[in-house]
Structure formats: C-alpha cells, structure tokens
C-alpha cells in the first residue's frame, strides 16, 4: 500500500507538483495520464525518492519513507522501475545486465539469480539474446530487457515511467504483451499517453499543471473530457516531436548551406 499526502515538489522557483494526495492499494494497476509537463514523471520518481519531495509525505506499507531516518535503499528493493530510456550497461551482456543488481545486493544465491534471469529472458521472448550486448538489440528488445531486469528482484511494485514512449508500435505491442504475462499480483504504476495502455487499469489518475485533476476507475471517468483527450494528448505529443524533428532538419540544412557558402568563398578567393 502506498499513501501519498499533500505532496509538493519544486525545482528552484518552479512548482512541479502541487499538493498531491493519492492512495494506491496492493495489486492495483494505476495509470497516470496527462499532457507533457503535467508532473507525471516527477510524481513517479518521488515514489521511491529518486526525487526528494519539497513537502508532504509518502507512506509505504506503514513506513513513512520521506522520514530522513528511513533506510531508503531497503524500500527501493521493494520497487522495480523502468525508465523511458533503457539505461542498460553497454559493456555487459544482456544476462549480466539482469544479474548485476541482485548479485551486488546478495538478494539470492548465484545459481538462483542465473536461473531466474534465464526464465525472465524466455518470458520476454529474448532467451537467444542472453550473451548479446545491448548495442546489437533494437529499442523494443532493450526495453524488454529493462523490464526483465526490474522484475528479477521480484519486487512487489513495478513503476513504468513512459516505458514505451521511445519505441515503435510493433515493439510497444511486444512490450505490453510481456508485461501482461509478468506483472500478475504486483502493484503496477504506469504513465500512459495512449488509450491502449489504459486497458485493465484499476485506477486512473489524471494530472494537469502539477495537480491531480481527476481520479477514479476507467468506467467512472469514461465520460470525462480528460479520458476522451487521451488521443489528443498522444496526437499533441506526436506533433511536438514532428515539429522538433523538422526544426532540427531545418537547422542542419541551414548549417550545411552556410558551410557550403563559406567553402565557395574560400575557393573563390584562392
């Protein structure tokens, strides 16, 4: 059980989270939605104190983890986290990436860790990649490895910070399929930009401008503009990404043209 009370987070003068309160029951799938910049990732990162809240409290299984006296490393062992960027160690094989943290923390003996790694690789469809290096894998494959790594310590809570935002639709479907078979019985908290990620959610949390603007089951919020806007959010994000790509392309073209012009000038004076 996670209980968040009056949580706020500021970066300097910029208030990112503003008086958030939320209750998450064991075994729930909680989907957090909202436009870019609404504070979703910061909220999730606060749950295991990757970001330290400015105000408020977070209680996990009766322990107030925002208390400075708490052993936060012990708490973090109860939470697996998958980021938008895969964060795999490039110098380690796929299997070594999975085995590293449990081995360092001595969560299990070496044989048990190895066997569990093999099992998870098989369940995400990448058993044949155990001895490969991350650079040889596609983005979707790397993300499935990151999910398997997060699950190897058998933490009861899995936090997915836009885990499918950087992969293509086919890879997203493969990742979602892997998750559906692996997270049974766990508490899952996931940021979503697409309606497909909302399927099976026990609770939806809608964020806007650092606050929770709506909260409830999908059926309870089905007629809310927030839920209907999911497609709009995804579309807006795609447009923003396309705009950034076009801007970069224009800048590159301008730089190339400028370089060509200078080269011609140098050639002319020569």
C-alpha atoms as a PDB file:
ATOM      1  CA  UNK A   1       0.000   0.000   0.000  1.00  0.00           C
ATOM      2  CA  UNK A   2       1.264   3.467  -0.937  1.00  0.00           C
ATOM      3  CA  UNK A   3      -0.268   6.526   0.686  1.00  0.00           C
ATOM      4  CA  UNK A   4       0.706   9.963  -0.634  1.00  0.00           C
ATOM      5  CA  UNK A   5      -0.373  13.021   1.340  1.00  0.00           C
ATOM      6  CA  UNK A   6      -0.064  16.672   0.285  1.00  0.00           C
ATOM      7  CA  UNK A   7       2.993  16.031  -1.858  1.00  0.00           C
ATOM      8  CA  UNK A   8       4.704  19.013  -3.464  1.00  0.00           C
ATOM      9  CA  UNK A   9       7.938  19.272  -5.416  1.00  0.00           C
ATOM     10  CA  UNK A  10       9.741  22.395  -6.595  1.00  0.00           C
ATOM     11  CA  UNK A  11      12.846  22.865  -8.686  1.00  0.00           C
ATOM     12  CA  UNK A  12      14.013  26.287  -7.616  1.00  0.00           C
ATOM     13  CA  UNK A  13      11.061  28.629  -8.106  1.00  0.00           C
ATOM     14  CA  UNK A  14       9.291  26.197 -10.442  1.00  0.00           C
ATOM     15  CA  UNK A  15       6.488  24.255  -8.727  1.00  0.00           C
ATOM     16  CA  UNK A  16       6.181  20.885 -10.487  1.00  0.00           C
ATOM     17  CA  UNK A  17       3.898  19.005  -8.058  1.00  0.00           C
ATOM     18  CA  UNK A  18       1.292  20.924  -6.109  1.00  0.00           C
ATOM     19  CA  UNK A  19      -0.364  19.322  -3.060  1.00  0.00           C
ATOM     20  CA  UNK A  20      -0.913  15.799  -4.450  1.00  0.00           C
ATOM     21  CA  UNK A  21      -2.689  13.155  -2.381  1.00  0.00           C
ATOM     22  CA  UNK A  22      -3.243   9.601  -3.667  1.00  0.00           C
ATOM     23  CA  UNK A  23      -3.864   6.107  -2.253  1.00  0.00           C
ATOM     24  CA  UNK A  24      -2.681   3.003  -4.104  1.00  0.00           C
ATOM     25  CA  UNK A  25      -3.841  -0.435  -2.958  1.00  0.00           C
ATOM     26  CA  UNK A  26      -1.703  -3.602  -3.235  1.00  0.00           C
ATOM     27  CA  UNK A  27      -2.116  -5.383  -6.578  1.00  0.00           C
ATOM     28  CA  UNK A  28      -3.673  -2.397  -8.358  1.00  0.00           C
ATOM     29  CA  UNK A  29      -2.759  -1.242 -11.828  1.00  0.00           C
ATOM     30  CA  UNK A  30      -2.704   2.549 -11.671  1.00  0.00           C
ATOM     31  CA  UNK A  31      -2.426   4.526 -14.904  1.00  0.00           C
ATOM     32  CA  UNK A  32      -1.275   8.136 -14.753  1.00  0.00           C
ATOM     33  CA  UNK A  33      -2.271  10.296 -17.706  1.00  0.00           C
ATOM     34  CA  UNK A  34      -1.979  13.951 -18.604  1.00  0.00           C
ATOM     35  CA  UNK A  35      -0.263  16.296 -21.054  1.00  0.00           C
ATOM     36  CA  UNK A  36       3.510  16.671 -21.249  1.00  0.00           C
ATOM     37  CA  UNK A  37       4.819  18.836 -18.430  1.00  0.00           C
ATOM     38  CA  UNK A  38       1.980  17.990 -16.055  1.00  0.00           C
ATOM     39  CA  UNK A  39       4.316  16.395 -13.480  1.00  0.00           C
ATOM     40  CA  UNK A  40       3.704  12.695 -14.178  1.00  0.00           C
ATOM     41  CA  UNK A  41       7.338  11.556 -14.261  1.00  0.00           C
ATOM     42  CA  UNK A  42       8.264  13.670 -11.255  1.00  0.00           C
ATOM     43  CA  UNK A  43       5.393  12.122  -9.305  1.00  0.00           C
ATOM     44  CA  UNK A  44       6.579   8.590 -10.088  1.00  0.00           C
ATOM     45  CA  UNK A  45      10.199   9.443  -9.314  1.00  0.00           C
ATOM     46  CA  UNK A  46       9.124  10.805  -5.948  1.00  0.00           C
ATOM     47  CA  UNK A  47       7.523   7.473  -5.024  1.00  0.00           C
ATOM     48  CA  UNK A  48      10.929   5.870  -4.467  1.00  0.00           C
ATOM     49  CA  UNK A  49      12.695   9.159  -3.685  1.00  0.00           C
ATOM     50  CA  UNK A  50      14.662   9.458  -6.904  1.00  0.00           C
ATOM     51  CA  UNK A  51      13.331  12.977  -6.488  1.00  0.00           C
ATOM     52  CA  UNK A  52      13.069  14.262  -2.928  1.00  0.00           C
ATOM     53  CA  UNK A  53       9.687  15.927  -2.259  1.00  0.00           C
ATOM     54  CA  UNK A  54       9.719  19.520  -1.098  1.00  0.00           C
ATOM     55  CA  UNK A  55       6.677  18.978   1.113  1.00  0.00           C
ATOM     56  CA  UNK A  56       4.279  16.202   2.084  1.00  0.00           C
ATOM     57  CA  UNK A  57       4.720  12.533   2.957  1.00  0.00           C
ATOM     58  CA  UNK A  58       4.809   9.117   1.264  1.00  0.00           C
ATOM     59  CA  UNK A  59       3.979   6.024   3.308  1.00  0.00           C
ATOM     60  CA  UNK A  60       4.779   2.537   2.045  1.00  0.00           C
ATOM     61  CA  UNK A  61       3.424  -0.460   3.956  1.00  0.00           C
ATOM     62  CA  UNK A  62       3.133   1.615   7.133  1.00  0.00           C
ATOM     63  CA  UNK A  63       6.597   3.181   6.859  1.00  0.00           C
ATOM     64  CA  UNK A  64       6.877   6.890   6.108  1.00  0.00           C
ATOM     65  CA  UNK A  65       9.664   6.755   3.549  1.00  0.00           C
ATOM     66  CA  UNK A  66      10.019  10.548   3.431  1.00  0.00           C
ATOM     67  CA  UNK A  67      11.359  10.382   7.005  1.00  0.00           C
ATOM     68  CA  UNK A  68      15.132  11.071   6.724  1.00  0.00           C
ATOM     69  CA  UNK A  69      15.820   8.264   9.213  1.00  0.00           C
ATOM     70  CA  UNK A  70      14.374   5.587   6.918  1.00  0.00           C
ATOM     71  CA  UNK A  71      16.716   3.242   5.032  1.00  0.00           C
ATOM     72  CA  UNK A  72      15.545   4.209   1.558  1.00  0.00           C
ATOM     73  CA  UNK A  73      17.706   1.532  -0.112  1.00  0.00           C
ATOM     74  CA  UNK A  74      15.712  -1.129   1.747  1.00  0.00           C
ATOM     75  CA  UNK A  75      12.484   0.465   0.498  1.00  0.00           C
ATOM     76  CA  UNK A  76      13.756   0.695  -3.084  1.00  0.00           C
ATOM     77  CA  UNK A  77      14.381  -3.044  -3.125  1.00  0.00           C
ATOM     78  CA  UNK A  78      10.602  -3.384  -2.941  1.00  0.00           C
ATOM     79  CA  UNK A  79      10.175  -1.316  -6.110  1.00  0.00           C
ATOM     80  CA  UNK A  80      11.269  -2.090  -9.659  1.00  0.00           C
ATOM     81  CA  UNK A  81      11.471   0.857 -12.042  1.00  0.00           C
ATOM     82  CA  UNK A  82      11.632   1.013 -15.830  1.00  0.00           C
ATOM     83  CA  UNK A  83      12.511   4.307 -17.480  1.00  0.00           C
ATOM     84  CA  UNK A  84      11.756   5.740 -20.895  1.00  0.00           C
ATOM     85  CA  UNK A  85      15.442   5.321 -21.733  1.00  0.00           C
ATOM     86  CA  UNK A  86      16.689   1.796 -21.215  1.00  0.00           C
ATOM     87  CA  UNK A  87      19.808   2.535 -19.113  1.00  0.00           C
ATOM     88  CA  UNK A  88      21.438  -0.801 -19.887  1.00  0.00           C
ATOM     89  CA  UNK A  89      25.177  -1.154 -19.278  1.00  0.00           C
ATOM     90  CA  UNK A  90      26.722  -1.314 -22.769  1.00  0.00           C
ATOM     91  CA  UNK A  91      29.831  -3.245 -21.650  1.00  0.00           C
ATOM     92  CA  UNK A  92      27.795  -6.080 -20.099  1.00  0.00           C
ATOM     93  CA  UNK A  93      25.912  -8.848 -21.867  1.00  0.00           C
ATOM     94  CA  UNK A  94      22.132  -8.942 -21.658  1.00  0.00           C
ATOM     95  CA  UNK A  95      22.180 -11.609 -18.952  1.00  0.00           C
ATOM     96  CA  UNK A  96      24.870  -9.816 -16.938  1.00  0.00           C
ATOM     97  CA  UNK A  97      22.710  -6.668 -17.038  1.00  0.00           C
ATOM     98  CA  UNK A  98      19.923  -8.644 -15.379  1.00  0.00           C
ATOM     99  CA  UNK A  99      22.158 -10.332 -12.815  1.00  0.00           C
ATOM    100  CA  UNK A 100      24.226  -7.333 -11.691  1.00  0.00           C
ATOM    101  CA  UNK A 101      21.998  -5.649  -9.077  1.00  0.00           C
ATOM    102  CA  UNK A 102      20.671  -8.820  -7.397  1.00  0.00           C
ATOM    103  CA  UNK A 103      24.241 -10.145  -7.190  1.00  0.00           C
ATOM    104  CA  UNK A 104      25.622  -6.941  -5.647  1.00  0.00           C
ATOM    105  CA  UNK A 105      22.744  -6.805  -3.155  1.00  0.00           C
ATOM    106  CA  UNK A 106      23.037 -10.538  -2.461  1.00  0.00           C
ATOM    107  CA  UNK A 107      19.269 -10.920  -2.815  1.00  0.00           C
ATOM    108  CA  UNK A 108      19.663 -14.576  -3.874  1.00  0.00           C
ATOM    109  CA  UNK A 109      22.481 -17.043  -4.410  1.00  0.00           C
ATOM    110  CA  UNK A 110      24.298 -17.017  -7.746  1.00  0.00           C
ATOM    111  CA  UNK A 111      22.569 -20.107  -9.139  1.00  0.00           C
ATOM    112  CA  UNK A 112      19.095 -18.812  -8.279  1.00  0.00           C
ATOM    113  CA  UNK A 113      19.828 -15.425  -9.873  1.00  0.00           C
ATOM    114  CA  UNK A 114      21.110 -17.090 -13.047  1.00  0.00           C
ATOM    115  CA  UNK A 115      18.081 -19.383 -13.268  1.00  0.00           C
ATOM    116  CA  UNK A 116      15.645 -16.503 -12.719  1.00  0.00           C
ATOM    117  CA  UNK A 117      17.420 -14.417 -15.374  1.00  0.00           C
ATOM    118  CA  UNK A 118      17.080 -17.261 -17.882  1.00  0.00           C
ATOM    119  CA  UNK A 119      13.391 -17.627 -17.013  1.00  0.00           C
ATOM    120  CA  UNK A 120      12.644 -13.919 -17.463  1.00  0.00           C
ATOM    121  CA  UNK A 121      14.557 -13.724 -20.745  1.00  0.00           C
ATOM    122  CA  UNK A 122      12.486 -16.617 -22.032  1.00  0.00           C
ATOM    123  CA  UNK A 123       9.248 -14.986 -20.901  1.00  0.00           C
ATOM    124  CA  UNK A 124      10.043 -11.730 -22.718  1.00  0.00           C
ATOM    125  CA  UNK A 125      10.980 -13.735 -25.828  1.00  0.00           C
ATOM    126  CA  UNK A 126      14.713 -12.993 -25.749  1.00  0.00           C
ATOM    127  CA  UNK A 127      16.296 -16.178 -24.433  1.00  0.00           C
ATOM    128  CA  UNK A 128      18.550 -16.282 -27.503  1.00  0.00           C
ATOM    129  CA  UNK A 129      19.979 -12.829 -26.655  1.00  0.00           C
ATOM    130  CA  UNK A 130      21.443 -13.758 -23.245  1.00  0.00           C
ATOM    131  CA  UNK A 131      25.043 -13.368 -24.436  1.00  0.00           C
ATOM    132  CA  UNK A 132      24.408 -10.446 -26.766  1.00  0.00           C
ATOM    133  CA  UNK A 133      25.344  -6.846 -25.964  1.00  0.00           C
ATOM    134  CA  UNK A 134      22.746  -4.052 -25.774  1.00  0.00           C
ATOM    135  CA  UNK A 135      24.044  -2.227 -28.866  1.00  0.00           C
ATOM    136  CA  UNK A 136      23.070  -5.228 -31.007  1.00  0.00           C
ATOM    137  CA  UNK A 137      19.408  -5.051 -29.913  1.00  0.00           C
ATOM    138  CA  UNK A 138      16.519  -2.947 -31.177  1.00  0.00           C
ATOM    139  CA  UNK A 139      14.916  -0.342 -28.936  1.00  0.00           C
ATOM    140  CA  UNK A 140      11.960  -2.598 -28.216  1.00  0.00           C
ATOM    141  CA  UNK A 141      14.251  -5.500 -27.319  1.00  0.00           C
ATOM    142  CA  UNK A 142      16.305  -3.310 -24.985  1.00  0.00           C
ATOM    143  CA  UNK A 143      13.167  -2.155 -23.224  1.00  0.00           C
ATOM    144  CA  UNK A 144      12.015  -5.730 -22.716  1.00  0.00           C
ATOM    145  CA  UNK A 145      15.432  -6.442 -21.179  1.00  0.00           C
ATOM    146  CA  UNK A 146      14.986  -3.425 -18.879  1.00  0.00           C
ATOM    147  CA  UNK A 147      11.590  -4.770 -17.780  1.00  0.00           C
ATOM    148  CA  UNK A 148      13.045  -8.227 -17.114  1.00  0.00           C
ATOM    149  CA  UNK A 149      15.840  -6.613 -15.092  1.00  0.00           C
ATOM    150  CA  UNK A 150      13.355  -4.680 -12.980  1.00  0.00           C
ATOM    151  CA  UNK A 151      11.407  -7.866 -12.283  1.00  0.00           C
ATOM    152  CA  UNK A 152      14.361 -10.081 -11.419  1.00  0.00           C
ATOM    153  CA  UNK A 153      14.469  -8.919  -7.802  1.00  0.00           C
ATOM    154  CA  UNK A 154      10.788  -9.908  -7.506  1.00  0.00           C
ATOM    155  CA  UNK A 155       9.742  -6.544  -6.084  1.00  0.00           C
ATOM    156  CA  UNK A 156       6.013  -6.253  -5.319  1.00  0.00           C
ATOM    157  CA  UNK A 157       5.802  -2.834  -7.011  1.00  0.00           C
ATOM    158  CA  UNK A 158       6.670  -2.013 -10.633  1.00  0.00           C
ATOM    159  CA  UNK A 159       6.889   1.626 -11.755  1.00  0.00           C
ATOM    160  CA  UNK A 160       6.901   2.309 -15.510  1.00  0.00           C
ATOM    161  CA  UNK A 161       7.988   5.834 -16.393  1.00  0.00           C
ATOM    162  CA  UNK A 162       6.832   6.123 -20.030  1.00  0.00           C
ATOM    163  CA  UNK A 163       8.424   2.758 -20.762  1.00  0.00           C
ATOM    164  CA  UNK A 164       7.038   2.549 -24.322  1.00  0.00           C
ATOM    165  CA  UNK A 165       7.376   6.197 -25.347  1.00  0.00           C
ATOM    166  CA  UNK A 166      10.568   5.675 -27.367  1.00  0.00           C
ATOM    167  CA  UNK A 167       9.652   2.530 -29.308  1.00  0.00           C
ATOM    168  CA  UNK A 168       7.681   1.822 -32.475  1.00  0.00           C
ATOM    169  CA  UNK A 169       4.091   0.446 -32.366  1.00  0.00           C
ATOM    170  CA  UNK A 170       5.186  -3.141 -33.035  1.00  0.00           C
ATOM    171  CA  UNK A 171       7.718  -3.027 -30.205  1.00  0.00           C
ATOM    172  CA  UNK A 172       5.145  -1.387 -27.951  1.00  0.00           C
ATOM    173  CA  UNK A 173       2.758  -4.290 -28.554  1.00  0.00           C
ATOM    174  CA  UNK A 174       5.509  -6.796 -27.724  1.00  0.00           C
ATOM    175  CA  UNK A 175       6.398  -4.924 -24.532  1.00  0.00           C
ATOM    176  CA  UNK A 176       2.747  -4.744 -23.486  1.00  0.00           C
ATOM    177  CA  UNK A 177       2.338  -8.466 -24.119  1.00  0.00           C
ATOM    178  CA  UNK A 178       5.413  -9.208 -21.996  1.00  0.00           C
ATOM    179  CA  UNK A 179       4.099  -7.022 -19.184  1.00  0.00           C
ATOM    180  CA  UNK A 180       0.704  -8.690 -19.195  1.00  0.00           C
ATOM    181  CA  UNK A 181       2.317 -12.066 -18.531  1.00  0.00           C
ATOM    182  CA  UNK A 182       4.829 -10.872 -15.940  1.00  0.00           C
ATOM    183  CA  UNK A 183       3.122  -8.448 -13.577  1.00  0.00           C
ATOM    184  CA  UNK A 184       0.291 -10.599 -12.201  1.00  0.00           C
ATOM    185  CA  UNK A 185      -0.098  -9.979  -8.483  1.00  0.00           C
ATOM    186  CA  UNK A 186       2.125  -6.907  -8.480  1.00  0.00           C
ATOM    187  CA  UNK A 187       1.203  -3.284  -7.933  1.00  0.00           C
ATOM    188  CA  UNK A 188       1.871  -1.509 -11.229  1.00  0.00           C
ATOM    189  CA  UNK A 189       2.048   2.263 -11.667  1.00  0.00           C
ATOM    190  CA  UNK A 190       2.425   3.385 -15.262  1.00  0.00           C
ATOM    191  CA  UNK A 191       2.445   6.637 -17.206  1.00  0.00           C
ATOM    192  CA  UNK A 192       0.326   6.401 -20.365  1.00  0.00           C
ATOM    193  CA  UNK A 193      -0.122   8.603 -23.420  1.00  0.00           C
ATOM    194  CA  UNK A 194      -2.120   6.098 -25.458  1.00  0.00           C
ATOM    195  CA  UNK A 195      -5.565   4.571 -24.880  1.00  0.00           C
ATOM    196  CA  UNK A 196      -4.119   1.053 -25.322  1.00  0.00           C
ATOM    197  CA  UNK A 197      -2.125   1.418 -22.098  1.00  0.00           C
ATOM    198  CA  UNK A 198      -5.274   2.164 -20.086  1.00  0.00           C
ATOM    199  CA  UNK A 199      -6.702  -1.332 -20.649  1.00  0.00           C
ATOM    200  CA  UNK A 200      -7.128  -3.253 -17.411  1.00  0.00           C
ATOM    201  CA  UNK A 201      -6.451  -0.276 -15.156  1.00  0.00           C
ATOM    202  CA  UNK A 202      -7.963  -0.404 -11.679  1.00  0.00           C
ATOM    203  CA  UNK A 203      -7.454   3.292 -11.188  1.00  0.00           C
ATOM    204  CA  UNK A 204      -6.748   6.258 -13.440  1.00  0.00           C
ATOM    205  CA  UNK A 205      -5.022   9.392 -12.179  1.00  0.00           C
ATOM    206  CA  UNK A 206      -5.333  12.463 -14.378  1.00  0.00           C
ATOM    207  CA  UNK A 207      -2.667  15.130 -13.872  1.00  0.00           C
ATOM    208  CA  UNK A 208      -2.590  18.682 -15.122  1.00  0.00           C
ATOM    209  CA  UNK A 209      -0.282  21.546 -14.117  1.00  0.00           C
ATOM    210  CA  UNK A 210       1.204  19.563 -11.254  1.00  0.00           C
ATOM    211  CA  UNK A 211      -2.106  18.617  -9.656  1.00  0.00           C
ATOM    212  CA  UNK A 212      -4.458  15.637  -9.784  1.00  0.00           C
ATOM    213  CA  UNK A 213      -7.474  16.921 -11.665  1.00  0.00           C
ATOM    214  CA  UNK A 214      -9.454  13.656 -11.649  1.00  0.00           C
ATOM    215  CA  UNK A 215      -9.132  10.169 -10.206  1.00  0.00           C
ATOM    216  CA  UNK A 216     -11.225   7.024 -10.491  1.00  0.00           C
ATOM    217  CA  UNK A 217     -11.827   3.866 -12.480  1.00  0.00           C
ATOM    218  CA  UNK A 218     -11.978   3.958 -16.255  1.00  0.00           C
ATOM    219  CA  UNK A 219     -15.745   3.485 -16.206  1.00  0.00           C
ATOM    220  CA  UNK A 220     -16.149   6.297 -13.680  1.00  0.00           C
ATOM    221  CA  UNK A 221     -14.138   8.654 -15.855  1.00  0.00           C
ATOM    222  CA  UNK A 222     -15.336   7.344 -19.227  1.00  0.00           C
ATOM    223  CA  UNK A 223     -17.373  10.449 -19.946  1.00  0.00           C
ATOM    224  CA  UNK A 224     -14.762  12.842 -18.611  1.00  0.00           C
ATOM    225  CA  UNK A 225     -13.027  15.118 -21.079  1.00  0.00           C
ATOM    226  CA  UNK A 226      -9.684  14.020 -19.570  1.00  0.00           C
ATOM    227  CA  UNK A 227     -10.098  10.447 -20.749  1.00  0.00           C
ATOM    228  CA  UNK A 228     -11.509  11.432 -24.116  1.00  0.00           C
ATOM    229  CA  UNK A 229      -8.461  13.661 -24.534  1.00  0.00           C
ATOM    230  CA  UNK A 230      -6.053  10.726 -24.385  1.00  0.00           C
ATOM    231  CA  UNK A 231      -5.911  10.524 -28.165  1.00  0.00           C
ATOM    232  CA  UNK A 232      -5.467  14.284 -28.283  1.00  0.00           C
ATOM    233  CA  UNK A 233      -2.553  14.034 -25.829  1.00  0.00           C
ATOM    234  CA  UNK A 234      -0.889  11.370 -27.952  1.00  0.00           C
ATOM    235  CA  UNK A 235      -1.516  13.415 -31.102  1.00  0.00           C
ATOM    236  CA  UNK A 236      -0.177  16.582 -29.456  1.00  0.00           C
ATOM    237  CA  UNK A 237       2.982  14.758 -28.394  1.00  0.00           C
ATOM    238  CA  UNK A 238       3.482  13.372 -31.907  1.00  0.00           C
ATOM    239  CA  UNK A 239       3.020  16.845 -33.395  1.00  0.00           C
ATOM    240  CA  UNK A 240       5.530  18.277 -30.909  1.00  0.00           C
ATOM    241  CA  UNK A 241       8.043  15.546 -31.772  1.00  0.00           C
ATOM    242  CA  UNK A 242       7.489  16.068 -35.506  1.00  0.00           C
ATOM    243  CA  UNK A 243       7.929  19.811 -35.057  1.00  0.00           C
ATOM    244  CA  UNK A 244      11.198  19.287 -33.191  1.00  0.00           C
ATOM    245  CA  UNK A 245      12.419  16.914 -35.907  1.00  0.00           C
ATOM    246  CA  UNK A 246      11.532  19.411 -38.615  1.00  0.00           C
ATOM    247  CA  UNK A 247      13.258  22.212 -36.701  1.00  0.00           C
ATOM    248  CA  UNK A 248      16.410  20.110 -36.345  1.00  0.00           C
ATOM    249  CA  UNK A 249      16.302  19.232 -40.031  1.00  0.00           C
ATOM    250  CA  UNK A 250      15.929  22.911 -40.960  1.00  0.00           C
ATOM    251  CA  UNK A 251      18.800  23.874 -38.654  1.00  0.00           C
ATOM    252  CA  UNK A 252      21.015  21.152 -40.139  1.00  0.00           C
ATOM    253  CA  UNK A 253      20.138  22.225 -43.668  1.00  0.00           C
ATOM    254  CA  UNK A 254      20.919  25.868 -42.816  1.00  0.00           C
ATOM    255  CA  UNK A 255      24.248  24.886 -41.261  1.00  0.00           C
ATOM    256  CA  UNK A 256      25.140  22.792 -44.320  1.00  0.00           C
ATOM    257  CA  UNK A 257      24.211  25.612 -46.683  1.00  0.00           C
ATOM    258  CA  UNK A 258      26.279  28.077 -44.641  1.00  0.00           C
ATOM    259  CA  UNK A 259      29.282  25.733 -44.708  1.00  0.00           C
ATOM    260  CA  UNK A 260      28.947  25.298 -48.474  1.00  0.00           C
ATOM    261  CA  UNK A 261      28.779  29.070 -48.950  1.00  0.00           C
ATOM    262  CA  UNK A 262      31.919  29.601 -46.880  1.00  0.00           C
ATOM    263  CA  UNK A 263      33.704  26.886 -48.817  1.00  0.00           C
ATOM    264  CA  UNK A 264      32.777  28.553 -52.099  1.00  0.00           C
ATOM    265  CA  UNK A 265      34.020  31.924 -50.802  1.00  0.00           C
ATOM    266  CA  UNK A 266      37.333  30.404 -49.748  1.00  0.00           C
ATOM    267  CA  UNK A 267      37.660  28.690 -53.139  1.00  0.00           C
ATOM    268  CA  UNK A 268      36.862  31.954 -54.955  1.00  0.00           C
ATOM    269  CA  UNK A 269      39.478  33.968 -53.030  1.00  0.00           C
ATOM    270  CA  UNK A 270      42.025  31.217 -53.538  1.00  0.00           C
END
